[in-house]
PDB file of N, CA and C in Angstrom:
ATOM      1  N   UNK A   1       9.154  67.294 -41.101  1.00  0.00           N
ATOM      2  CA  UNK A   1       8.149  68.186 -40.779  1.00  0.00           C
ATOM      3  C   UNK A   1       8.772  69.463 -40.266  1.00  0.00           C
ATOM      4  N   UNK A   2       8.312  70.580 -40.758  1.00  0.00           N
ATOM      5  CA  UNK A   2       8.763  71.915 -40.313  1.00  0.00           C
ATOM      6  C   UNK A   2       7.726  72.492 -39.456  1.00  0.00           C
ATOM      7  N   UNK A   3       8.170  72.926 -38.241  1.00  0.00           N
ATOM      8  CA  UNK A   3       7.166  73.527 -37.268  1.00  0.00           C
ATOM      9  C   UNK A   3       7.466  75.019 -37.119  1.00  0.00           C
ATOM     10  N   UNK A   4       6.486  75.829 -37.272  1.00  0.00           N
ATOM     11  CA  UNK A   4       6.631  77.270 -37.195  1.00  0.00           C
ATOM     12  C   UNK A   4       5.626  77.778 -36.203  1.00  0.00           C
ATOM     13  N   UNK A   5       6.148  78.304 -35.108  1.00  0.00           N
ATOM     14  CA  UNK A   5       5.299  78.789 -34.008  1.00  0.00           C
ATOM     15  C   UNK A   5       5.886  80.125 -33.498  1.00  0.00           C
ATOM     16  N   UNK A   6       5.726  81.181 -34.307  1.00  0.00           N
ATOM     17  CA  UNK A   6       6.198  82.473 -33.896  1.00  0.00           C
ATOM     18  C   UNK A   6       5.309  83.132 -32.844  1.00  0.00           C
ATOM     19  N   UNK A   7       5.884  84.041 -32.023  1.00  0.00           N
ATOM     20  CA  UNK A   7       5.012  84.753 -31.065  1.00  0.00           C
ATOM     21  C   UNK A   7       4.062  85.672 -31.848  1.00  0.00           C
ATOM     22  N   UNK A   8       2.925  85.886 -31.190  1.00  0.00           N
ATOM     23  CA  UNK A   8       1.931  86.744 -31.888  1.00  0.00           C
ATOM     24  C   UNK A   8       2.424  88.198 -31.783  1.00  0.00           C
ATOM     25  N   UNK A   9       3.029  88.555 -30.749  1.00  0.00           N
ATOM     26  CA  UNK A   9       3.532  89.943 -30.578  1.00  0.00           C
ATOM     27  C   UNK A   9       4.745  89.953 -29.707  1.00  0.00           C
ATOM     28  N   UNK A  10       5.771  90.635 -30.188  1.00  0.00           N
ATOM     29  CA  UNK A  10       6.957  90.807 -29.418  1.00  0.00           C
ATOM     30  C   UNK A  10       7.418  92.256 -29.688  1.00  0.00           C
ATOM     31  N   UNK A  11       7.296  93.121 -28.726  1.00  0.00           N
ATOM     32  CA  UNK A  11       7.521  94.551 -28.937  1.00  0.00           C
ATOM     33  C   UNK A  11       8.871  94.800 -29.663  1.00  0.00           C
ATOM     34  N   UNK A  12       8.808  95.531 -30.735  1.00  0.00           N
ATOM     35  CA  UNK A  12      10.000  95.883 -31.530  1.00  0.00           C
ATOM     36  C   UNK A  12      10.552  94.760 -32.411  1.00  0.00           C
ATOM     37  N   UNK A  13       9.856  93.612 -32.401  1.00  0.00           N
ATOM     38  CA  UNK A  13      10.391  92.518 -33.161  1.00  0.00           C
ATOM     39  C   UNK A  13       9.359  91.845 -34.082  1.00  0.00           C
ATOM     40  N   UNK A  14       8.263  91.329 -33.489  1.00  0.00           N
ATOM     41  CA  UNK A  14       7.291  90.587 -34.226  1.00  0.00           C
ATOM     42  C   UNK A  14       5.874  91.133 -34.020  1.00  0.00           C
ATOM     43  N   UNK A  15       5.184  91.360 -35.115  1.00  0.00           N
ATOM     44  CA  UNK A  15       3.759  91.592 -35.089  1.00  0.00           C
ATOM     45  C   UNK A  15       3.171  90.574 -36.068  1.00  0.00           C
ATOM     46  N   UNK A  16       2.547  89.543 -35.553  1.00  0.00           N
ATOM     47  CA  UNK A  16       2.210  88.409 -36.387  1.00  0.00           C
ATOM     48  C   UNK A  16       1.316  88.833 -37.569  1.00  0.00           C
ATOM     49  N   UNK A  17       0.399  89.746 -37.397  1.00  0.00           N
ATOM     50  CA  UNK A  17      -0.438  90.140 -38.530  1.00  0.00           C
ATOM     51  C   UNK A  17       0.369  90.782 -39.605  1.00  0.00           C
ATOM     52  N   UNK A  18       1.430  91.413 -39.308  1.00  0.00           N
ATOM     53  CA  UNK A  18       2.332  92.070 -40.328  1.00  0.00           C
ATOM     54  C   UNK A  18       3.352  91.082 -40.794  1.00  0.00           C
ATOM     55  N   UNK A  19       3.899  90.224 -39.910  1.00  0.00           N
ATOM     56  CA  UNK A  19       5.127  89.492 -40.208  1.00  0.00           C
ATOM     57  C   UNK A  19       4.944  88.048 -40.597  1.00  0.00           C
ATOM     58  N   UNK A  20       3.767  87.422 -40.387  1.00  0.00           N
ATOM     59  CA  UNK A  20       3.625  85.980 -40.644  1.00  0.00           C
ATOM     60  C   UNK A  20       3.793  85.784 -42.216  1.00  0.00           C
ATOM     61  N   UNK A  21       3.359  86.683 -43.051  1.00  0.00           N
ATOM     62  CA  UNK A  21       3.584  86.569 -44.496  1.00  0.00           C
ATOM     63  C   UNK A  21       5.075  86.407 -44.838  1.00  0.00           C
ATOM     64  N   UNK A  22       5.913  87.259 -44.223  1.00  0.00           N
ATOM     65  CA  UNK A  22       7.342  87.229 -44.440  1.00  0.00           C
ATOM     66  C   UNK A  22       7.913  85.812 -44.039  1.00  0.00           C
ATOM     67  N   UNK A  23       7.438  85.302 -42.910  1.00  0.00           N
ATOM     68  CA  UNK A  23       7.916  84.051 -42.452  1.00  0.00           C
ATOM     69  C   UNK A  23       7.525  82.920 -43.460  1.00  0.00           C
ATOM     70  N   UNK A  24       6.220  82.890 -43.813  1.00  0.00           N
ATOM     71  CA  UNK A  24       5.731  81.844 -44.680  1.00  0.00           C
ATOM     72  C   UNK A  24       6.455  81.903 -46.059  1.00  0.00           C
ATOM     73  N   UNK A  25       6.707  83.078 -46.526  1.00  0.00           N
ATOM     74  CA  UNK A  25       7.399  83.240 -47.845  1.00  0.00           C
ATOM     75  C   UNK A  25       8.746  82.535 -47.818  1.00  0.00           C
ATOM     76  N   UNK A  26       9.413  82.434 -46.731  1.00  0.00           N
ATOM     77  CA  UNK A  26      10.752  81.909 -46.612  1.00  0.00           C
ATOM     78  C   UNK A  26      10.748  80.361 -46.398  1.00  0.00           C
ATOM     79  N   UNK A  27       9.670  79.829 -46.004  1.00  0.00           N
ATOM     80  CA  UNK A  27       9.591  78.392 -45.629  1.00  0.00           C
ATOM     81  C   UNK A  27      10.052  77.395 -46.704  1.00  0.00           C
ATOM     82  N   UNK A  28       9.720  77.627 -48.001  1.00  0.00           N
ATOM     83  CA  UNK A  28      10.114  76.622 -48.965  1.00  0.00           C
ATOM     84  C   UNK A  28      11.584  76.305 -49.074  1.00  0.00           C
ATOM     85  N   UNK A  29      12.458  77.269 -48.682  1.00  0.00           N
ATOM     86  CA  UNK A  29      13.887  77.021 -48.712  1.00  0.00           C
ATOM     87  C   UNK A  29      14.291  75.912 -47.781  1.00  0.00           C
ATOM     88  N   UNK A  30      13.460  75.581 -46.794  1.00  0.00           N
ATOM     89  CA  UNK A  30      13.868  74.564 -45.815  1.00  0.00           C
ATOM     90  C   UNK A  30      13.028  73.256 -45.987  1.00  0.00           C
ATOM     91  N   UNK A  31      12.201  73.127 -47.055  1.00  0.00           N
ATOM     92  CA  UNK A  31      11.390  72.007 -47.188  1.00  0.00           C
ATOM     93  C   UNK A  31      11.658  71.249 -48.480  1.00  0.00           C
ATOM     94  N   UNK A  32      11.597  69.910 -48.446  1.00  0.00           N
ATOM     95  CA  UNK A  32      11.607  69.098 -49.629  1.00  0.00           C
ATOM     96  C   UNK A  32      10.204  68.799 -50.020  1.00  0.00           C
ATOM     97  N   UNK A  33      10.053  68.413 -51.301  1.00  0.00           N
ATOM     98  CA  UNK A  33       8.724  68.058 -51.803  1.00  0.00           C
ATOM     99  C   UNK A  33       8.106  66.963 -50.923  1.00  0.00           C
ATOM    100  N   UNK A  34       6.846  67.190 -50.564  1.00  0.00           N
ATOM    101  CA  UNK A  34       6.097  66.143 -49.744  1.00  0.00           C
ATOM    102  C   UNK A  34       6.277  66.499 -48.236  1.00  0.00           C
ATOM    103  N   UNK A  35       7.122  67.447 -47.894  1.00  0.00           N
ATOM    104  CA  UNK A  35       7.294  67.747 -46.455  1.00  0.00           C
ATOM    105  C   UNK A  35       5.981  68.234 -45.840  1.00  0.00           C
ATOM    106  N   UNK A  36       5.819  67.991 -44.590  1.00  0.00           N
ATOM    107  CA  UNK A  36       4.678  68.529 -43.852  1.00  0.00           C
ATOM    108  C   UNK A  36       5.147  69.783 -43.162  1.00  0.00           C
ATOM    109  N   UNK A  37       4.161  70.715 -43.058  1.00  0.00           N
ATOM    110  CA  UNK A  37       4.354  71.999 -42.416  1.00  0.00           C
ATOM    111  C   UNK A  37       3.294  72.159 -41.305  1.00  0.00           C
ATOM    112  N   UNK A  38       3.777  72.463 -40.113  1.00  0.00           N
ATOM    113  CA  UNK A  38       2.862  72.678 -38.978  1.00  0.00           C
ATOM    114  C   UNK A  38       2.980  74.131 -38.622  1.00  0.00           C
ATOM    115  N   UNK A  39       1.912  74.919 -38.835  1.00  0.00           N
ATOM    116  CA  UNK A  39       1.869  76.332 -38.501  1.00  0.00           C
ATOM    117  C   UNK A  39       0.991  76.524 -37.306  1.00  0.00           C
ATOM    118  N   UNK A  40       1.502  77.359 -36.383  1.00  0.00           N
ATOM    119  CA  UNK A  40       0.751  77.709 -35.141  1.00  0.00           C
ATOM    120  C   UNK A  40       0.401  79.167 -35.175  1.00  0.00           C
ATOM    121  N   UNK A  41      -0.702  79.506 -34.655  1.00  0.00           N
ATOM    122  CA  UNK A  41      -1.133  80.873 -34.440  1.00  0.00           C
ATOM    123  C   UNK A  41      -1.901  81.035 -33.190  1.00  0.00           C
ATOM    124  N   UNK A  42      -1.349  81.850 -32.263  1.00  0.00           N
ATOM    125  CA  UNK A  42      -1.911  81.954 -30.933  1.00  0.00           C
ATOM    126  C   UNK A  42      -2.522  83.330 -30.652  1.00  0.00           C
ATOM    127  N   UNK A  43      -2.779  84.075 -31.714  1.00  0.00           N
ATOM    128  CA  UNK A  43      -3.354  85.414 -31.504  1.00  0.00           C
ATOM    129  C   UNK A  43      -4.895  85.284 -31.221  1.00  0.00           C
ATOM    130  N   UNK A  44      -5.383  85.895 -30.188  1.00  0.00           N
ATOM    131  CA  UNK A  44      -6.852  85.881 -29.960  1.00  0.00           C
ATOM    132  C   UNK A  44      -7.644  86.699 -30.995  1.00  0.00           C
ATOM    133  N   UNK A  45      -6.920  87.543 -31.700  1.00  0.00           N
ATOM    134  CA  UNK A  45      -7.568  88.466 -32.611  1.00  0.00           C
ATOM    135  C   UNK A  45      -7.620  87.968 -34.041  1.00  0.00           C
ATOM    136  N   UNK A  46      -6.896  86.888 -34.338  1.00  0.00           N
ATOM    137  CA  UNK A  46      -6.845  86.345 -35.701  1.00  0.00           C
ATOM    138  C   UNK A  46      -7.367  84.904 -35.707  1.00  0.00           C
ATOM    139  N   UNK A  47      -8.084  84.567 -36.677  1.00  0.00           N
ATOM    140  CA  UNK A  47      -8.751  83.242 -36.800  1.00  0.00           C
ATOM    141  C   UNK A  47      -7.920  82.314 -37.727  1.00  0.00           C
ATOM    142  N   UNK A  48      -8.358  81.110 -37.831  1.00  0.00           N
ATOM    143  CA  UNK A  48      -7.771  80.108 -38.650  1.00  0.00           C
ATOM    144  C   UNK A  48      -7.693  80.539 -40.128  1.00  0.00           C
ATOM    145  N   UNK A  49      -8.742  81.291 -40.633  1.00  0.00           N
ATOM    146  CA  UNK A  49      -8.783  81.668 -41.962  1.00  0.00           C
ATOM    147  C   UNK A  49      -7.676  82.644 -42.306  1.00  0.00           C
ATOM    148  N   UNK A  50      -7.271  83.506 -41.338  1.00  0.00           N
ATOM    149  CA  UNK A  50      -6.125  84.358 -41.534  1.00  0.00           C
ATOM    150  C   UNK A  50      -4.833  83.564 -41.990  1.00  0.00           C
ATOM    151  N   UNK A  51      -4.604  82.513 -41.260  1.00  0.00           N
ATOM    152  CA  UNK A  51      -3.441  81.637 -41.575  1.00  0.00           C
ATOM    153  C   UNK A  51      -3.539  80.968 -42.906  1.00  0.00           C
ATOM    154  N   UNK A  52      -4.742  80.452 -43.199  1.00  0.00           N
ATOM    155  CA  UNK A  52      -4.962  79.811 -44.526  1.00  0.00           C
ATOM    156  C   UNK A  52      -4.772  80.852 -45.643  1.00  0.00           C
ATOM    157  N   UNK A  53      -5.269  82.022 -45.458  1.00  0.00           N
ATOM    158  CA  UNK A  53      -5.160  83.032 -46.474  1.00  0.00           C
ATOM    159  C   UNK A  53      -3.708  83.464 -46.724  1.00  0.00           C
ATOM    160  N   UNK A  54      -2.928  83.617 -45.618  1.00  0.00           N
ATOM    161  CA  UNK A  54      -1.493  83.960 -45.708  1.00  0.00           C
ATOM    162  C   UNK A  54      -0.743  82.863 -46.498  1.00  0.00           C
ATOM    163  N   UNK A  55      -1.015  81.615 -46.162  1.00  0.00           N
ATOM    164  CA  UNK A  55      -0.299  80.506 -46.835  1.00  0.00           C
ATOM    165  C   UNK A  55      -0.701  80.475 -48.337  1.00  0.00           C
ATOM    166  N   UNK A  56      -1.951  80.637 -48.621  1.00  0.00           N
ATOM    167  CA  UNK A  56      -2.443  80.604 -50.042  1.00  0.00           C
ATOM    168  C   UNK A  56      -1.696  81.694 -50.892  1.00  0.00           C
ATOM    169  N   UNK A  57      -1.530  82.857 -50.287  1.00  0.00           N
ATOM    170  CA  UNK A  57      -0.924  83.982 -50.998  1.00  0.00           C
ATOM    171  C   UNK A  57       0.566  83.868 -51.048  1.00  0.00           C
ATOM    172  N   UNK A  58       1.234  83.444 -49.959  1.00  0.00           N
ATOM    173  CA  UNK A  58       2.661  83.505 -49.867  1.00  0.00           C
ATOM    174  C   UNK A  58       3.397  82.209 -50.213  1.00  0.00           C
ATOM    175  N   UNK A  59       2.678  81.136 -50.068  1.00  0.00           N
ATOM    176  CA  UNK A  59       3.276  79.765 -50.433  1.00  0.00           C
ATOM    177  C   UNK A  59       2.204  78.872 -50.991  1.00  0.00           C
ATOM    178  N   UNK A  60       1.779  79.186 -52.254  1.00  0.00           N
ATOM    179  CA  UNK A  60       0.703  78.386 -52.802  1.00  0.00           C
ATOM    180  C   UNK A  60       0.956  76.944 -53.049  1.00  0.00           C
ATOM    181  N   UNK A  61       2.295  76.516 -52.938  1.00  0.00           N
ATOM    182  CA  UNK A  61       2.599  75.127 -53.035  1.00  0.00           C
ATOM    183  C   UNK A  61       2.329  74.373 -51.774  1.00  0.00           C
ATOM    184  N   UNK A  62       1.897  75.064 -50.703  1.00  0.00           N
ATOM    185  CA  UNK A  62       1.503  74.386 -49.459  1.00  0.00           C
ATOM    186  C   UNK A  62       0.013  74.201 -49.491  1.00  0.00           C
ATOM    187  N   UNK A  63      -0.374  72.909 -49.304  1.00  0.00           N
ATOM    188  CA  UNK A  63      -1.815  72.538 -49.435  1.00  0.00           C
ATOM    189  C   UNK A  63      -2.261  72.208 -47.987  1.00  0.00           C
ATOM    190  N   UNK A  64      -3.375  72.853 -47.650  1.00  0.00           N
ATOM    191  CA  UNK A  64      -3.986  72.586 -46.324  1.00  0.00           C
ATOM    192  C   UNK A  64      -4.454  71.140 -46.236  1.00  0.00           C
ATOM    193  N   UNK A  65      -4.029  70.540 -45.058  1.00  0.00           N
ATOM    194  CA  UNK A  65      -4.456  69.143 -44.841  1.00  0.00           C
ATOM    195  C   UNK A  65      -5.461  69.064 -43.669  1.00  0.00           C
ATOM    196  N   UNK A  66      -5.140  69.667 -42.507  1.00  0.00           N
ATOM    197  CA  UNK A  66      -6.084  69.489 -41.370  1.00  0.00           C
ATOM    198  C   UNK A  66      -5.666  70.535 -40.292  1.00  0.00           C
ATOM    199  N   UNK A  67      -6.677  70.711 -39.402  1.00  0.00           N
ATOM    200  CA  UNK A  67      -6.408  71.504 -38.202  1.00  0.00           C
ATOM    201  C   UNK A  67      -6.299  70.470 -37.079  1.00  0.00           C
ATOM    202  N   UNK A  68      -5.314  70.623 -36.252  1.00  0.00           N
ATOM    203  CA  UNK A  68      -5.154  69.760 -35.036  1.00  0.00           C
ATOM    204  C   UNK A  68      -6.002  70.306 -33.933  1.00  0.00           C
ATOM    205  N   UNK A  69      -6.847  69.478 -33.373  1.00  0.00           N
ATOM    206  CA  UNK A  69      -7.774  69.913 -32.305  1.00  0.00           C
ATOM    207  C   UNK A  69      -6.965  70.230 -31.062  1.00  0.00           C
ATOM    208  N   UNK A  70      -7.428  71.286 -30.377  1.00  0.00           N
ATOM    209  CA  UNK A  70      -6.806  71.669 -29.153  1.00  0.00           C
ATOM    210  C   UNK A  70      -7.282  70.754 -27.978  1.00  0.00           C
ATOM    211  N   UNK A  71      -6.407  70.590 -26.997  1.00  0.00           N
ATOM    212  CA  UNK A  71      -6.897  69.764 -25.825  1.00  0.00           C
ATOM    213  C   UNK A  71      -8.115  70.586 -25.167  1.00  0.00           C
ATOM    214  N   UNK A  72      -8.967  69.779 -24.539  1.00  0.00           N
ATOM    215  CA  UNK A  72     -10.165  70.358 -23.933  1.00  0.00           C
ATOM    216  C   UNK A  72      -9.815  71.378 -22.790  1.00  0.00           C
ATOM    217  N   UNK A  73      -8.625  71.211 -22.180  1.00  0.00           N
ATOM    218  CA  UNK A  73      -8.284  72.171 -21.129  1.00  0.00           C
ATOM    219  C   UNK A  73      -8.124  73.604 -21.550  1.00  0.00           C
ATOM    220  N   UNK A  74      -7.890  73.813 -22.895  1.00  0.00           N
ATOM    221  CA  UNK A  74      -7.834  75.162 -23.464  1.00  0.00           C
ATOM    222  C   UNK A  74      -9.186  75.618 -23.811  1.00  0.00           C
ATOM    223  N   UNK A  75      -9.939  76.033 -22.832  1.00  0.00           N
ATOM    224  CA  UNK A  75     -11.357  76.434 -23.102  1.00  0.00           C
ATOM    225  C   UNK A  75     -11.501  77.590 -24.094  1.00  0.00           C
ATOM    226  N   UNK A  76     -10.559  78.591 -24.035  1.00  0.00           N
ATOM    227  CA  UNK A  76     -10.577  79.657 -24.959  1.00  0.00           C
ATOM    228  C   UNK A  76     -10.389  79.291 -26.442  1.00  0.00           C
ATOM    229  N   UNK A  77      -9.734  78.156 -26.617  1.00  0.00           N
ATOM    230  CA  UNK A  77      -9.453  77.704 -27.926  1.00  0.00           C
ATOM    231  C   UNK A  77     -10.758  77.273 -28.655  1.00  0.00           C
ATOM    232  N   UNK A  78     -11.739  76.928 -27.937  1.00  0.00           N
ATOM    233  CA  UNK A  78     -12.950  76.391 -28.495  1.00  0.00           C
ATOM    234  C   UNK A  78     -13.875  77.539 -29.024  1.00  0.00           C
ATOM    235  N   UNK A  79     -13.530  78.706 -28.629  1.00  0.00           N
ATOM    236  CA  UNK A  79     -14.263  79.911 -29.091  1.00  0.00           C
ATOM    237  C   UNK A  79     -13.478  80.552 -30.208  1.00  0.00           C
ATOM    238  N   UNK A  80     -12.483  79.885 -30.710  1.00  0.00           N
ATOM    239  CA  UNK A  80     -11.703  80.440 -31.847  1.00  0.00           C
ATOM    240  C   UNK A  80     -10.693  81.530 -31.381  1.00  0.00           C
ATOM    241  N   UNK A  81     -10.577  81.706 -30.083  1.00  0.00           N
ATOM    242  CA  UNK A  81      -9.659  82.764 -29.564  1.00  0.00           C
ATOM    243  C   UNK A  81      -8.283  82.291 -29.256  1.00  0.00           C
ATOM    244  N   UNK A  82      -8.107  80.996 -29.087  1.00  0.00           N
ATOM    245  CA  UNK A  82      -6.784  80.459 -28.648  1.00  0.00           C
ATOM    246  C   UNK A  82      -5.957  79.931 -29.788  1.00  0.00           C
ATOM    247  N   UNK A  83      -5.175  78.954 -29.417  1.00  0.00           N
ATOM    248  CA  UNK A  83      -4.198  78.351 -30.348  1.00  0.00           C
ATOM    249  C   UNK A  83      -4.873  77.720 -31.565  1.00  0.00           C
ATOM    250  N   UNK A  84      -4.328  78.063 -32.767  1.00  0.00           N
ATOM    251  CA  UNK A  84      -4.763  77.352 -34.010  1.00  0.00           C
ATOM    252  C   UNK A  84      -3.549  76.668 -34.528  1.00  0.00           C
ATOM    253  N   UNK A  85      -3.625  75.344 -34.749  1.00  0.00           N
ATOM    254  CA  UNK A  85      -2.529  74.535 -35.281  1.00  0.00           C
ATOM    255  C   UNK A  85      -2.955  73.919 -36.586  1.00  0.00           C
ATOM    256  N   UNK A  86      -2.345  74.258 -37.655  1.00  0.00           N
ATOM    257  CA  UNK A  86      -2.758  73.815 -38.984  1.00  0.00           C
ATOM    258  C   UNK A  86      -1.654  73.038 -39.611  1.00  0.00           C
ATOM    259  N   UNK A  87      -1.968  71.993 -40.334  1.00  0.00           N
ATOM    260  CA  UNK A  87      -0.992  71.150 -41.033  1.00  0.00           C
ATOM    261  C   UNK A  87      -1.184  71.306 -42.542  1.00  0.00           C
ATOM    262  N   UNK A  88      -0.071  71.485 -43.259  1.00  0.00           N
ATOM    263  CA  UNK A  88      -0.065  71.654 -44.644  1.00  0.00           C
ATOM    264  C   UNK A  88       0.957  70.660 -45.252  1.00  0.00           C
ATOM    265  N   UNK A  89       0.811  70.297 -46.508  1.00  0.00           N
ATOM    266  CA  UNK A  89       1.802  69.542 -47.232  1.00  0.00           C
ATOM    267  C   UNK A  89       2.428  70.453 -48.311  1.00  0.00           C
ATOM    268  N   UNK A  90       3.739  70.331 -48.507  1.00  0.00           N
ATOM    269  CA  UNK A  90       4.454  71.152 -49.469  1.00  0.00           C
ATOM    270  C   UNK A  90       4.551  70.285 -50.754  1.00  0.00           C
ATOM    271  N   UNK A  91       3.906  70.775 -51.797  1.00  0.00           N
ATOM    272  CA  UNK A  91       3.816  70.018 -53.063  1.00  0.00           C
ATOM    273  C   UNK A  91       4.160  70.916 -54.192  1.00  0.00           C
ATOM    274  N   UNK A  92       5.438  71.296 -54.384  1.00  0.00           N
ATOM    275  CA  UNK A  92       5.886  72.164 -55.513  1.00  0.00           C
ATOM    276  C   UNK A  92       5.686  71.464 -56.878  1.00  0.00           C
TER     277      UNK A  92
END
């Protein structure tokens, strides 16, 4: 399993809306067929669909499997504003 949990924003380094595509594009070089991929997104401004769309465009061999539910203590997550954790399978 490959886990990818980049920061949403890091001044001068990472802007997730701009840079997640670049990260996803590079992932296949580290995965074998059938590997699982766990992608995290903690931006309050971007929803789950953003991540699904980025994967579909940049790594179409990754197939969405499921979203992992957030613990109930993360109240903001239930409004779609908090952490999004999605699992994909790599099937080239």
